[in-house]
C-alpha atoms as a PDB file:
ATOM      1  CA  MET A   1      72.200 -13.290 -48.206  1.00  0.00           C
ATOM      2  CA  ASN A   2      72.816 -12.461 -44.440  1.00  0.00           C
ATOM      3  CA  ARG A   3      71.243  -9.828 -43.580  1.00  0.00           C
ATOM      4  CA  LEU A   4      67.546 -11.580 -44.145  1.00  0.00           C
ATOM      5  CA  LEU A   5      64.123  -9.225 -44.232  1.00  0.00           C
ATOM      6  CA  ASN A   6      61.723 -10.505 -41.409  1.00  0.00           C
ATOM      7  CA  VAL A   7      58.252  -9.787 -41.900  1.00  0.00           C
ATOM      8  CA  SER A   8      55.949  -9.353 -38.689  1.00  0.00           C
ATOM      9  CA  PRO A   9      51.974  -9.519 -38.557  1.00  0.00           C
ATOM     10  CA  SER A  10      50.160  -6.494 -39.370  1.00  0.00           C
ATOM     11  CA  PRO A  11      49.606  -4.291 -39.016  1.00  0.00           C
ATOM     12  CA  HIS A  12      53.018  -2.473 -40.351  1.00  0.00           C
ATOM     13  CA  VAL A  13      51.448   1.476 -40.678  1.00  0.00           C
ATOM     14  CA  SER A  14      52.513   2.958 -37.519  1.00  0.00           C
ATOM     15  CA  GLY A  15      52.573   6.614 -36.212  1.00  0.00           C
ATOM     16  CA  ASP A  16      53.398   9.135 -33.204  1.00  0.00           C
ATOM     17  CA  TYR A  17      50.832   8.629 -31.042  1.00  0.00           C
ATOM     18  CA  SER A  18      50.335   6.195 -28.335  1.00  0.00           C
ATOM     19  CA  ILE A  19      48.066   5.245 -25.915  1.00  0.00           C
ATOM     20  CA  LYS A  20      49.484   8.349 -23.115  1.00  0.00           C
ATOM     21  CA  LYS A  21      48.949  10.468 -25.943  1.00  0.00           C
ATOM     22  CA  ILE A  22      46.397   9.120 -26.380  1.00  0.00           C
ATOM     23  CA  MET A  23      44.277   8.667 -23.191  1.00  0.00           C
ATOM     24  CA  TYR A  24      45.467  12.159 -22.554  1.00  0.00           C
ATOM     25  CA  GLY A  25      44.303  13.667 -25.587  1.00  0.00           C
ATOM     26  CA  VAL A  26      40.467  12.751 -24.333  1.00  0.00           C
ATOM     27  CA  VAL A  27      40.801  13.661 -21.167  1.00  0.00           C
ATOM     28  CA  LEU A  28      41.910  17.054 -22.090  1.00  0.00           C
ATOM     29  CA  ALA A  29      38.780  17.230 -24.303  1.00  0.00           C
ATOM     30  CA  LEU A  30      36.835  17.160 -20.872  1.00  0.00           C
ATOM     31  CA  ILE A  31      38.603  19.710 -19.286  1.00  0.00           C
ATOM     32  CA  PRO A  32      35.726  22.058 -20.991  1.00  0.00           C
ATOM     33  CA  ALA A  33      33.192  19.636 -19.698  1.00  0.00           C
ATOM     34  CA  LEU A  34      33.799  18.909 -16.285  1.00  0.00           C
ATOM     35  CA  ALA A  35      34.564  23.229 -15.649  1.00  0.00           C
ATOM     36  CA  THR A  36      30.865  23.349 -16.921  1.00  0.00           C
ATOM     37  CA  SER A  37      29.650  20.716 -14.446  1.00  0.00           C
ATOM     38  CA  ILE A  38      31.775  22.306 -11.549  1.00  0.00           C
ATOM     39  CA  TRP A  39      29.910  25.984 -12.919  1.00  0.00           C
ATOM     40  CA  PHE A  40      26.752  24.155 -12.293  1.00  0.00           C
ATOM     41  CA  PHE A  41      26.291  21.516  -9.686  1.00  0.00           C
ATOM     42  CA  GLY A  42      29.405  23.045  -7.620  1.00  0.00           C
ATOM     43  CA  LEU A  43      31.964  21.032  -5.217  1.00  0.00           C
ATOM     44  CA  GLY A  44      29.936  17.737  -5.346  1.00  0.00           C
ATOM     45  CA  ALA A  45      31.139  17.829  -9.548  1.00  0.00           C
ATOM     46  CA  LEU A  46      34.437  17.894  -8.383  1.00  0.00           C
ATOM     47  CA  ILE A  47      34.116  15.743  -5.377  1.00  0.00           C
ATOM     48  CA  VAL A  48      32.579  13.066  -7.275  1.00  0.00           C
ATOM     49  CA  THR A  49      35.821  13.285  -9.887  1.00  0.00           C
ATOM     50  CA  LEU A  50      38.226  13.024  -7.751  1.00  0.00           C
ATOM     51  CA  VAL A  51      37.151  10.076  -5.630  1.00  0.00           C
ATOM     52  CA  SER A  52      35.994   8.297  -9.375  1.00  0.00           C
ATOM     53  CA  ILE A  53      39.501   8.781 -11.151  1.00  0.00           C
ATOM     54  CA  ALA A  54      41.232   7.900  -7.583  1.00  0.00           C
ATOM     55  CA  SER A  55      39.432   5.001  -7.153  1.00  0.00           C
ATOM     56  CA  CYS A  56      39.697   4.103 -11.101  1.00  0.00           C
ATOM     57  CA  MET A  57      43.657   4.473 -10.746  1.00  0.00           C
ATOM     58  CA  LEU A  58      43.781   2.770  -6.818  1.00  0.00           C
ATOM     59  CA  PHE A  59      41.987  -0.810  -7.473  1.00  0.00           C
ATOM     60  CA  GLU A  60      43.804  -1.179 -11.224  1.00  0.00           C
ATOM     61  CA  PHE A  61      47.455  -0.610  -9.427  1.00  0.00           C
ATOM     62  CA  LEU A  62      46.044  -3.196  -6.844  1.00  0.00           C
ATOM     63  CA  ILE A  63      44.651  -5.433  -9.351  1.00  0.00           C
ATOM     64  CA  GLN A  64      47.454  -5.794 -11.500  1.00  0.00           C
ATOM     65  CA  LYS A  65      50.154  -5.731  -8.895  1.00  0.00           C
ATOM     66  CA  TYR A  66      49.174  -8.495  -6.655  1.00  0.00           C
ATOM     67  CA  ILE A  67      45.972 -10.364  -8.485  1.00  0.00           C
ATOM     68  CA  ILE A  68      47.527  -9.960 -12.081  1.00  0.00           C
ATOM     69  CA  LYS A  69      50.800  -9.799 -11.416  1.00  0.00           C
ATOM     70  CA  VAL A  70      51.344  -7.593 -13.808  1.00  0.00           C
ATOM     71  CA  GLU A  71      53.421  -4.266 -14.220  1.00  0.00           C
ATOM     72  CA  PRO A  72      50.956  -1.602 -13.150  1.00  0.00           C
ATOM     73  CA  THR A  73      50.017   1.085 -15.890  1.00  0.00           C
ATOM     74  CA  ILE A  74      48.146   3.519 -13.457  1.00  0.00           C
ATOM     75  CA  TRP A  75      50.161   5.976 -15.922  1.00  0.00           C
ATOM     76  CA  ASP A  76      49.120   5.573 -19.394  1.00  0.00           C
ATOM     77  CA  GLY A  77      45.771   8.049 -18.820  1.00  0.00           C
ATOM     78  CA  SER A  78      43.663   4.716 -19.555  1.00  0.00           C
ATOM     79  CA  ALA A  79      42.202   4.330 -15.568  1.00  0.00           C
ATOM     80  CA  ILE A  80      42.329   8.544 -15.505  1.00  0.00           C
ATOM     81  CA  LEU A  81      39.459   9.055 -18.435  1.00  0.00           C
ATOM     82  CA  THR A  82      37.633   5.597 -17.134  1.00  0.00           C
ATOM     83  CA  GLY A  83      37.318   7.076 -13.948  1.00  0.00           C
ATOM     84  CA  LEU A  84      36.272  10.385 -15.672  1.00  0.00           C
ATOM     85  CA  LEU A  85      33.528   9.525 -17.615  1.00  0.00           C
ATOM     86  CA  LEU A  86      32.185   7.063 -14.844  1.00  0.00           C
ATOM     87  CA  ALA A  87      31.937  10.249 -13.301  1.00  0.00           C
ATOM     88  CA  PHE A  88      30.375  12.010 -15.916  1.00  0.00           C
ATOM     89  CA  ASN A  89      27.679   9.589 -15.776  1.00  0.00           C
ATOM     90  CA  VAL A  90      26.802   9.631 -12.343  1.00  0.00           C
ATOM     91  CA  PRO A  91      24.458  12.785  -9.981  1.00  0.00           C
ATOM     92  CA  SER A  92      27.005  14.781  -8.519  1.00  0.00           C
ATOM     93  CA  ASN A  93      25.741  13.797  -5.376  1.00  0.00           C
ATOM     94  CA  LEU A  94      26.304  10.314  -4.982  1.00  0.00           C
ATOM     95  CA  PRO A  95      27.479   9.307  -2.619  1.00  0.00           C
ATOM     96  CA  ILE A  96      31.443   8.431  -1.736  1.00  0.00           C
ATOM     97  CA  ALA A  97      30.807   4.485  -0.849  1.00  0.00           C
ATOM     98  CA  ILE A  98      29.183   3.956  -4.114  1.00  0.00           C
ATOM     99  CA  ILE A  99      31.384   6.300  -6.858  1.00  0.00           C
ATOM    100  CA  VAL A 100      33.871   3.439  -5.238  1.00  0.00           C
ATOM    101  CA  ILE A 101      32.341   0.360  -6.095  1.00  0.00           C
ATOM    102  CA  GLY A 102      31.485   1.396  -9.253  1.00  0.00           C
ATOM    103  CA  ALA A 103      35.189   2.509 -10.032  1.00  0.00           C
ATOM    104  CA  LEU A 104      36.112  -1.315  -8.422  1.00  0.00           C
ATOM    105  CA  ILE A 105      32.828  -2.915 -10.888  1.00  0.00           C
ATOM    106  CA  ALA A 106      34.463  -0.642 -14.016  1.00  0.00           C
ATOM    107  CA  ILE A 107      37.945  -1.172 -13.564  1.00  0.00           C
ATOM    108  CA  GLY A 108      37.815  -5.012 -11.757  1.00  0.00           C
ATOM    109  CA  VAL A 109      34.962  -6.202 -14.037  1.00  0.00           C
ATOM    110  CA  GLY A 110      34.850  -4.228 -17.243  1.00  0.00           C
ATOM    111  CA  LYS A 111      38.413  -3.598 -18.031  1.00  0.00           C
ATOM    112  CA  LEU A 112      40.724  -5.808 -16.482  1.00  0.00           C
ATOM    113  CA  SER A 113      38.819  -9.004 -16.005  1.00  0.00           C
ATOM    114  CA  PHE A 114      39.174  -9.402 -19.669  1.00  0.00           C
ATOM    115  CA  GLY A 115      42.913  -8.803 -19.680  1.00  0.00           C
ATOM    116  CA  GLY A 116      43.535  -5.002 -19.858  1.00  0.00           C
ATOM    117  CA  LEU A 117      43.360  -2.787 -22.306  1.00  0.00           C
ATOM    118  CA  GLY A 118      42.666  -3.412 -25.600  1.00  0.00           C
ATOM    119  CA  GLN A 119      41.089  -6.580 -24.102  1.00  0.00           C
ATOM    120  CA  ASN A 120      37.899  -5.325 -23.198  1.00  0.00           C
ATOM    121  CA  PRO A 121      35.085  -6.195 -25.069  1.00  0.00           C
ATOM    122  CA  PHE A 122      33.017  -3.391 -23.510  1.00  0.00           C
ATOM    123  CA  ASN A 123      33.057   0.138 -22.171  1.00  0.00           C
ATOM    124  CA  PRO A 124      34.560  -0.058 -18.548  1.00  0.00           C
ATOM    125  CA  ALA A 125      32.952   3.501 -17.617  1.00  0.00           C
ATOM    126  CA  LEU A 126      29.789   2.064 -19.022  1.00  0.00           C
ATOM    127  CA  VAL A 127      29.928  -1.099 -17.156  1.00  0.00           C
ATOM    128  CA  GLY A 128      30.382   0.241 -14.277  1.00  0.00           C
ATOM    129  CA  ARG A 129      27.457   3.119 -14.270  1.00  0.00           C
ATOM    130  CA  VAL A 130      24.998   0.506 -15.377  1.00  0.00           C
ATOM    131  CA  PHE A 131      25.969  -1.221 -12.461  1.00  0.00           C
ATOM    132  CA  LEU A 132      25.686   1.014 -10.183  1.00  0.00           C
ATOM    133  CA  LEU A 133      22.065   1.800 -11.588  1.00  0.00           C
ATOM    134  CA  ILE A 134      20.867  -1.361 -11.527  1.00  0.00           C
ATOM    135  CA  SER A 135      22.186  -1.722  -7.846  1.00  0.00           C
ATOM    136  CA  PHE A 136      21.473   1.819  -6.333  1.00  0.00           C
ATOM    137  CA  PRO A 137      18.454   2.867  -8.869  1.00  0.00           C
ATOM    138  CA  VAL A 138      17.211   5.929  -6.239  1.00  0.00           C
ATOM    139  CA  GLN A 139      20.825   7.525  -5.763  1.00  0.00           C
ATOM    140  CA  MET A 140      21.837   7.008  -9.584  1.00  0.00           C
ATOM    141  CA  THR A 141      18.520   8.284 -10.274  1.00  0.00           C
ATOM    142  CA  SER A 142      18.464  11.360  -7.456  1.00  0.00           C
ATOM    143  CA  TRP A 143      19.492  14.006  -9.830  1.00  0.00           C
ATOM    144  CA  PRO A 144      20.780  17.486  -8.188  1.00  0.00           C
ATOM    145  CA  VAL A 145      19.204  20.888  -9.812  1.00  0.00           C
ATOM    146  CA  SER A 146      22.435  22.872 -10.630  1.00  0.00           C
ATOM    147  CA  LYS A 147      22.731  26.084  -8.454  1.00  0.00           C
ATOM    148  CA  GLY A 148      25.780  27.056  -9.184  1.00  0.00           C
ATOM    149  CA  ILE A 149      29.631  27.178  -8.079  1.00  0.00           C
ATOM    150  CA  LEU A 150      29.107  27.527  -4.767  1.00  0.00           C
ATOM    151  CA  THR A 151      26.557  24.811  -4.487  1.00  0.00           C
ATOM    152  CA  ARG A 152      28.129  22.282  -1.342  1.00  0.00           C
ATOM    153  CA  TYR A 153      28.409  18.730  -1.790  1.00  0.00           C
ATOM    154  CA  ALA A 154      25.589  17.998   0.795  1.00  0.00           C
ATOM    155  CA  ASP A 155      23.177  20.490  -0.040  1.00  0.00           C
ATOM    156  CA  ALA A 156      22.158  19.442  -3.631  1.00  0.00           C
ATOM    157  CA  ILE A 157      18.764  19.789  -4.398  1.00  0.00           C
ATOM    158  CA  THR A 158      17.572  16.841  -6.523  1.00  0.00           C
ATOM    159  CA  GLY A 159      14.999  17.166  -9.616  1.00  0.00           C
ATOM    160  CA  ALA A 160      14.046  15.123 -12.080  1.00  0.00           C
ATOM    161  CA  THR A 161      15.954  15.714 -15.351  1.00  0.00           C
ATOM    162  CA  PRO A 162      14.484  17.031 -18.695  1.00  0.00           C
ATOM    163  CA  LEU A 163      13.929  13.051 -20.049  1.00  0.00           C
ATOM    164  CA  GLY A 164      12.633  12.034 -17.326  1.00  0.00           C
ATOM    165  CA  VAL A 165       9.871  15.049 -16.897  1.00  0.00           C
ATOM    166  CA  ILE A 166       8.930  14.344 -20.497  1.00  0.00           C
ATOM    167  CA  LYS A 167       8.534  10.513 -19.701  1.00  0.00           C
ATOM    168  CA  GLU A 168       6.475  10.846 -17.132  1.00  0.00           C
ATOM    169  CA  GLY A 169       4.057  13.300 -18.615  1.00  0.00           C
ATOM    170  CA  LEU A 170       3.996  11.262 -21.452  1.00  0.00           C
ATOM    171  CA  LYS A 171       2.777   8.463 -19.784  1.00  0.00           C
ATOM    172  CA  ASN A 172       0.270  10.018 -17.886  1.00  0.00           C
ATOM    173  CA  GLY A 173      -0.899  11.650 -20.905  1.00  0.00           C
ATOM    174  CA  GLU A 174       0.211  15.164 -20.933  1.00  0.00           C
ATOM    175  CA  ALA A 175       0.821  17.008 -24.084  1.00  0.00           C
ATOM    176  CA  PHE A 176       4.864  17.514 -25.347  1.00  0.00           C
ATOM    177  CA  SER A 177       3.978  21.115 -26.027  1.00  0.00           C
ATOM    178  CA  SER A 178       2.435  21.761 -22.445  1.00  0.00           C
ATOM    179  CA  LEU A 179       5.522  19.870 -21.098  1.00  0.00           C
ATOM    180  CA  MET A 180       7.642  22.499 -22.577  1.00  0.00           C
ATOM    181  CA  ASP A 181       6.676  24.711 -20.428  1.00  0.00           C
ATOM    182  CA  GLN A 182       8.093  23.096 -17.343  1.00  0.00           C
ATOM    183  CA  ILE A 183      11.715  22.394 -18.034  1.00  0.00           C
ATOM    184  CA  PRO A 184      14.624  25.092 -20.042  1.00  0.00           C
ATOM    185  CA  SER A 185      14.590  25.664 -23.341  1.00  0.00           C
ATOM    186  CA  HIS A 186      16.702  24.374 -25.864  1.00  0.00           C
ATOM    187  CA  MET A 187      19.204  26.630 -25.997  1.00  0.00           C
ATOM    188  CA  GLN A 188      19.327  26.356 -21.556  1.00  0.00           C
ATOM    189  CA  LEU A 189      19.704  22.994 -22.338  1.00  0.00           C
ATOM    190  CA  PHE A 190      22.067  23.404 -24.888  1.00  0.00           C
ATOM    191  CA  MET A 191      24.144  25.977 -22.639  1.00  0.00           C
ATOM    192  CA  GLY A 192      23.578  23.431 -19.979  1.00  0.00           C
ATOM    193  CA  GLN A 193      20.912  25.006 -17.375  1.00  0.00           C
ATOM    194  CA  MET A 194      19.392  21.444 -16.534  1.00  0.00           C
ATOM    195  CA  GLY A 195      19.423  18.887 -13.586  1.00  0.00           C
ATOM    196  CA  GLY A 196      21.325  15.362 -14.627  1.00  0.00           C
ATOM    197  CA  SER A 197      24.776  13.406 -14.658  1.00  0.00           C
ATOM    198  CA  LEU A 198      28.079  15.478 -14.653  1.00  0.00           C
ATOM    199  CA  GLY A 199      28.503  14.839 -18.886  1.00  0.00           C
ATOM    200  CA  GLU A 200      24.957  16.010 -19.504  1.00  0.00           C
ATOM    201  CA  ILE A 201      25.723  19.650 -19.062  1.00  0.00           C
ATOM    202  CA  SER A 202      26.358  21.648 -21.799  1.00  0.00           C
ATOM    203  CA  ALA A 203      26.442  20.459 -25.380  1.00  0.00           C
ATOM    204  CA  LEU A 204      28.323  23.472 -25.816  1.00  0.00           C
ATOM    205  CA  ALA A 205      31.531  22.186 -23.893  1.00  0.00           C
ATOM    206  CA  LEU A 206      31.145  18.548 -25.083  1.00  0.00           C
ATOM    207  CA  LEU A 207      30.980  20.423 -28.438  1.00  0.00           C
ATOM    208  CA  LEU A 208      34.176  22.301 -27.902  1.00  0.00           C
ATOM    209  CA  GLY A 209      35.939  18.718 -27.216  1.00  0.00           C
ATOM    210  CA  PHE A 210      34.818  16.897 -30.232  1.00  0.00           C
ATOM    211  CA  ALA A 211      36.488  19.756 -31.800  1.00  0.00           C
ATOM    212  CA  PHE A 212      39.473  19.393 -30.012  1.00  0.00           C
ATOM    213  CA  MET A 213      39.532  15.685 -30.544  1.00  0.00           C
ATOM    214  CA  LEU A 214      38.951  15.670 -34.244  1.00  0.00           C
ATOM    215  CA  PHE A 215      41.813  18.749 -34.769  1.00  0.00           C
ATOM    216  CA  ARG A 216      44.243  16.356 -32.835  1.00  0.00           C
ATOM    217  CA  LYS A 217      42.658  13.299 -35.290  1.00  0.00           C
ATOM    218  CA  ILE A 218      42.307  11.065 -32.005  1.00  0.00           C
ATOM    219  CA  ILE A 219      39.023  10.226 -33.081  1.00  0.00           C
ATOM    220  CA  THR A 220      36.810  10.679 -36.610  1.00  0.00           C
ATOM    221  CA  TRP A 221      33.450  12.164 -37.141  1.00  0.00           C
ATOM    222  CA  HIS A 222      31.877   8.810 -38.598  1.00  0.00           C
ATOM    223  CA  ILE A 223      30.542   7.345 -35.247  1.00  0.00           C
ATOM    224  CA  PRO A 224      29.495  10.928 -33.668  1.00  0.00           C
ATOM    225  CA  VAL A 225      27.745  11.900 -37.023  1.00  0.00           C
ATOM    226  CA  PHE A 226      26.109   8.829 -38.010  1.00  0.00           C
ATOM    227  CA  MET A 227      24.916   8.550 -34.310  1.00  0.00           C
ATOM    228  CA  ILE A 228      23.628  11.585 -33.846  1.00  0.00           C
ATOM    229  CA  ALA A 229      22.002  11.733 -37.509  1.00  0.00           C
ATOM    230  CA  THR A 230      20.227   8.153 -36.511  1.00  0.00           C
ATOM    231  CA  ILE A 231      18.720   9.711 -33.363  1.00  0.00           C
ATOM    232  CA  TYR A 232      18.104  12.860 -35.006  1.00  0.00           C
ATOM    233  CA  ILE A 233      16.186  11.557 -38.286  1.00  0.00           C
ATOM    234  CA  PHE A 234      14.014   8.017 -36.078  1.00  0.00           C
ATOM    235  CA  SER A 235      13.626  10.889 -33.710  1.00  0.00           C
ATOM    236  CA  GLY A 236      12.018  13.044 -35.865  1.00  0.00           C
ATOM    237  CA  ILE A 237       9.935  11.086 -37.905  1.00  0.00           C
ATOM    238  CA  LEU A 238       8.082   9.691 -34.698  1.00  0.00           C
ATOM    239  CA  HIS A 239       7.648  13.380 -34.263  1.00  0.00           C
ATOM    240  CA  LEU A 240       6.157  14.395 -37.181  1.00  0.00           C
ATOM    241  CA  ALA A 241       3.701  11.003 -37.069  1.00  0.00           C
ATOM    242  CA  ASN A 242       2.418  12.157 -33.336  1.00  0.00           C
ATOM    243  CA  PRO A 243       3.915  15.540 -32.778  1.00  0.00           C
ATOM    244  CA  THR A 244       1.540  15.687 -29.058  1.00  0.00           C
ATOM    245  CA  HIS A 245       3.062  12.024 -27.511  1.00  0.00           C
ATOM    246  CA  PHE A 246       6.839  12.075 -29.142  1.00  0.00           C
ATOM    247  CA  ALA A 247       9.971  14.387 -28.029  1.00  0.00           C
ATOM    248  CA  ASP A 248      10.898  16.808 -31.501  1.00  0.00           C
ATOM    249  CA  PRO A 249      14.484  15.791 -32.443  1.00  0.00           C
ATOM    250  CA  LEU A 250      16.150  18.229 -31.210  1.00  0.00           C
ATOM    251  CA  PHE A 251      15.517  17.894 -27.935  1.00  0.00           C
ATOM    252  CA  HIS A 252      16.858  14.267 -28.174  1.00  0.00           C
ATOM    253  CA  ILE A 253      20.118  16.400 -29.002  1.00  0.00           C
ATOM    254  CA  VAL A 254      20.694  18.548 -26.670  1.00  0.00           C
ATOM    255  CA  THR A 255      19.341  16.858 -23.426  1.00  0.00           C
ATOM    256  CA  GLY A 256      20.463  13.318 -21.498  1.00  0.00           C
ATOM    257  CA  GLY A 257      23.852  11.538 -22.335  1.00  0.00           C
ATOM    258  CA  ALA A 258      23.608  11.387 -26.255  1.00  0.00           C
ATOM    259  CA  LEU A 259      26.338  13.546 -27.261  1.00  0.00           C
ATOM    260  CA  LEU A 260      28.141  12.371 -24.418  1.00  0.00           C
ATOM    261  CA  GLY A 261      27.485   9.043 -25.330  1.00  0.00           C
ATOM    262  CA  ALA A 262      28.106   9.453 -28.568  1.00  0.00           C
ATOM    263  CA  ILE A 263      31.551  11.571 -28.822  1.00  0.00           C
ATOM    264  CA  TYR A 264      33.893   9.996 -25.721  1.00  0.00           C
ATOM    265  CA  MET A 265      31.951   7.184 -24.823  1.00  0.00           C
ATOM    266  CA  ALA A 266      30.695   5.084 -28.790  1.00  0.00           C
ATOM    267  CA  THR A 267      33.905   6.057 -29.661  1.00  0.00           C
ATOM    268  CA  ASP A 268      36.587   4.065 -27.890  1.00  0.00           C
ATOM    269  CA  MET A 269      38.791   2.536 -29.876  1.00  0.00           C
ATOM    270  CA  VAL A 270      38.961  -1.124 -28.047  1.00  0.00           C
ATOM    271  CA  THR A 271      35.165  -1.449 -28.625  1.00  0.00           C
ATOM    272  CA  SER A 272      34.521   0.074 -31.481  1.00  0.00           C
ATOM    273  CA  PRO A 273      34.408  -1.233 -35.169  1.00  0.00           C
ATOM    274  CA  MET A 274      38.033  -0.579 -37.411  1.00  0.00           C
ATOM    275  CA  THR A 275      36.156   0.040 -41.017  1.00  0.00           C
ATOM    276  CA  PRO A 276      34.425   3.621 -41.457  1.00  0.00           C
ATOM    277  CA  LYS A 277      31.053   0.962 -42.838  1.00  0.00           C
ATOM    278  CA  GLY A 278      31.187  -0.455 -39.822  1.00  0.00           C
ATOM    279  CA  MET A 279      31.236   2.271 -37.611  1.00  0.00           C
ATOM    280  CA  ALA A 280      28.240   3.640 -39.740  1.00  0.00           C
ATOM    281  CA  ILE A 281      26.516   0.220 -38.793  1.00  0.00           C
ATOM    282  CA  PHE A 282      27.515   0.607 -35.007  1.00  0.00           C
ATOM    283  CA  ALA A 283      26.189   4.239 -34.845  1.00  0.00           C
ATOM    284  CA  ILE A 284      23.124   3.733 -36.196  1.00  0.00           C
ATOM    285  CA  GLY A 285      22.885   0.770 -34.055  1.00  0.00           C
ATOM    286  CA  ILE A 286      23.161   3.026 -30.867  1.00  0.00           C
ATOM    287  CA  GLY A 287      21.061   5.697 -32.232  1.00  0.00           C
ATOM    288  CA  VAL A 288      17.949   3.356 -33.245  1.00  0.00           C
ATOM    289  CA  ILE A 289      18.341   1.512 -29.261  1.00  0.00           C
ATOM    290  CA  THR A 290      18.870   4.596 -27.572  1.00  0.00           C
ATOM    291  CA  VAL A 291      15.537   6.343 -29.167  1.00  0.00           C
ATOM    292  CA  LEU A 292      13.644   3.429 -29.058  1.00  0.00           C
ATOM    293  CA  ILE A 293      14.377   3.061 -25.521  1.00  0.00           C
ATOM    294  CA  ARG A 294      13.622   6.422 -24.660  1.00  0.00           C
ATOM    295  CA  THR A 295      10.441   6.696 -26.354  1.00  0.00           C
ATOM    296  CA  PHE A 296       8.992   2.642 -25.478  1.00  0.00           C
ATOM    297  CA  GLY A 297      11.063   1.476 -22.524  1.00  0.00           C
ATOM    298  CA  ALA A 298      11.209   1.845 -19.185  1.00  0.00           C
ATOM    299  CA  TYR A 299      14.161   4.038 -18.684  1.00  0.00           C
ATOM    300  CA  PRO A 300      13.511   7.531 -19.592  1.00  0.00           C
ATOM    301  CA  GLU A 301      17.311   7.553 -21.347  1.00  0.00           C
ATOM    302  CA  GLY A 302      18.284   4.427 -23.029  1.00  0.00           C
ATOM    303  CA  VAL A 303      22.489   5.666 -24.225  1.00  0.00           C
ATOM    304  CA  SER A 304      24.443   3.429 -22.385  1.00  0.00           C
ATOM    305  CA  PHE A 305      22.629   0.053 -22.509  1.00  0.00           C
ATOM    306  CA  ALA A 306      22.554   1.292 -26.309  1.00  0.00           C
ATOM    307  CA  ILE A 307      26.281   1.519 -26.545  1.00  0.00           C
ATOM    308  CA  LEU A 308      27.025  -1.370 -24.528  1.00  0.00           C
ATOM    309  CA  ILE A 309      24.593  -3.825 -26.419  1.00  0.00           C
ATOM    310  CA  MET A 310      26.158  -2.952 -30.050  1.00  0.00           C
ATOM    311  CA  ASN A 311      29.533  -3.048 -28.298  1.00  0.00           C
ATOM    312  CA  ALA A 312      28.562  -6.990 -28.202  1.00  0.00           C
ATOM    313  CA  PHE A 313      28.345  -6.667 -31.696  1.00  0.00           C
ATOM    314  CA  VAL A 314      31.492  -5.133 -32.404  1.00  0.00           C
ATOM    315  CA  PRO A 315      33.647  -8.617 -33.142  1.00  0.00           C
ATOM    316  CA  ILE A 316      30.910  -9.418 -35.869  1.00  0.00           C
ATOM    317  CA  ILE A 317      30.861  -6.092 -37.399  1.00  0.00           C
ATOM    318  CA  ASN A 318      34.703  -5.969 -37.386  1.00  0.00           C
ATOM    319  CA  ARG A 319      34.426  -9.704 -39.155  1.00  0.00           C
ATOM    320  CA  TYR A 320      32.205  -9.064 -42.083  1.00  0.00           C
ATOM    321  CA  ILE A 321      32.201  -5.649 -42.978  1.00  0.00           C
ATOM    322  CA  LYS A 322      36.509  -5.321 -43.296  1.00  0.00           C
ATOM    323  CA  PRO A 323      38.709  -3.911 -46.127  1.00  0.00           C
ATOM    324  CA  LYS A 324      40.234  -6.899 -49.318  1.00  0.00           C
ATOM    325  CA  ARG A 325      43.239  -7.942 -48.276  1.00  0.00           C
ATOM    326  CA  PHE A 326      46.156  -6.747 -49.899  1.00  0.00           C
ATOM    327  CA  GLY A 327      46.786  -9.032 -52.973  1.00  0.00           C
ATOM    328  CA  GLU A 328      43.301 -11.032 -52.661  1.00  0.00           C
ATOM    329  CA  GLU A 329      41.901 -11.869 -56.078  1.00  0.00           C
ATOM    330  CA  VAL A 330      38.534 -10.857 -56.784  1.00  0.00           C
ATOM    331  CA  SER A 331      36.224 -13.258 -58.464  1.00  0.00           C
ATOM    332  CA  ASN A 332      35.199 -12.232 -61.961  1.00  0.00           C
ATOM    333  CA  GLY A 333      33.008 -14.605 -62.848  1.00  0.00           C
ATOM    334  CA  ARG A 334      35.684 -17.164 -64.549  1.00  0.00           C
END
């Protein structure tokens, strides 16, 4: 009678995964894509990445230590991952000052203003990226053309992304088939031979990281598969309806931030739904919005906006799409 059983609130399932293991696991999964971006874009990719990571860690330390006045958590991996993902969403020739501003917004506004890790409703790296895109549109859309590992930071040659070429060409009345002659083939795009942000380079490298995270059970397949499938099906319907005016579905998959967003950003545990059914609804919404923005919107790319929009719906999805409570009585009409 002296030994009482104290039951704490749920959840009660535990495992050997910690925040640090998960965060550093995602960082490891991004190494192939980082190496590929350095190979194609040269030292600029490495400089942007290091500055972004260092800035995110510095701002997290300063804000936690002197403003929020809590124990700094810069070594749990979350600030490093935010910095890495922010770098993956910007050009490799972006001025250092702008990178630092993006890191401040990502950490200070996107993450810590809501209370820190686990409490932010929006993906911090995407908050930083969208802020930079709106505030510095010229610098954020001056995409370097991949020239090789020996390309210096200041020597990057800029050009339009494949999505930008197609968007502008279709706007001017050119046929999609003729525009494809102006950009690399689908296989070249899959391997990474195109201009764009660091994270748009090499679908192959991103898929290698996806396989690693599935193997380590860091993420599940639901969000990436449903999001990519939605983009493929929706863009495929548009292409079948008018193949001269709408890009083919495979082009939508291997270009832009579709794979980066589906695998590494939409799957963020804090800002995505808890249940498989909720994940499917969340991912389908991202896929539909992405294609709508790419096809009918002002921007050639829409993944970042689509993820942030659906992040806002996650609390509603979690509220209405959830498993029955243990012991809950099911009504049978009596």
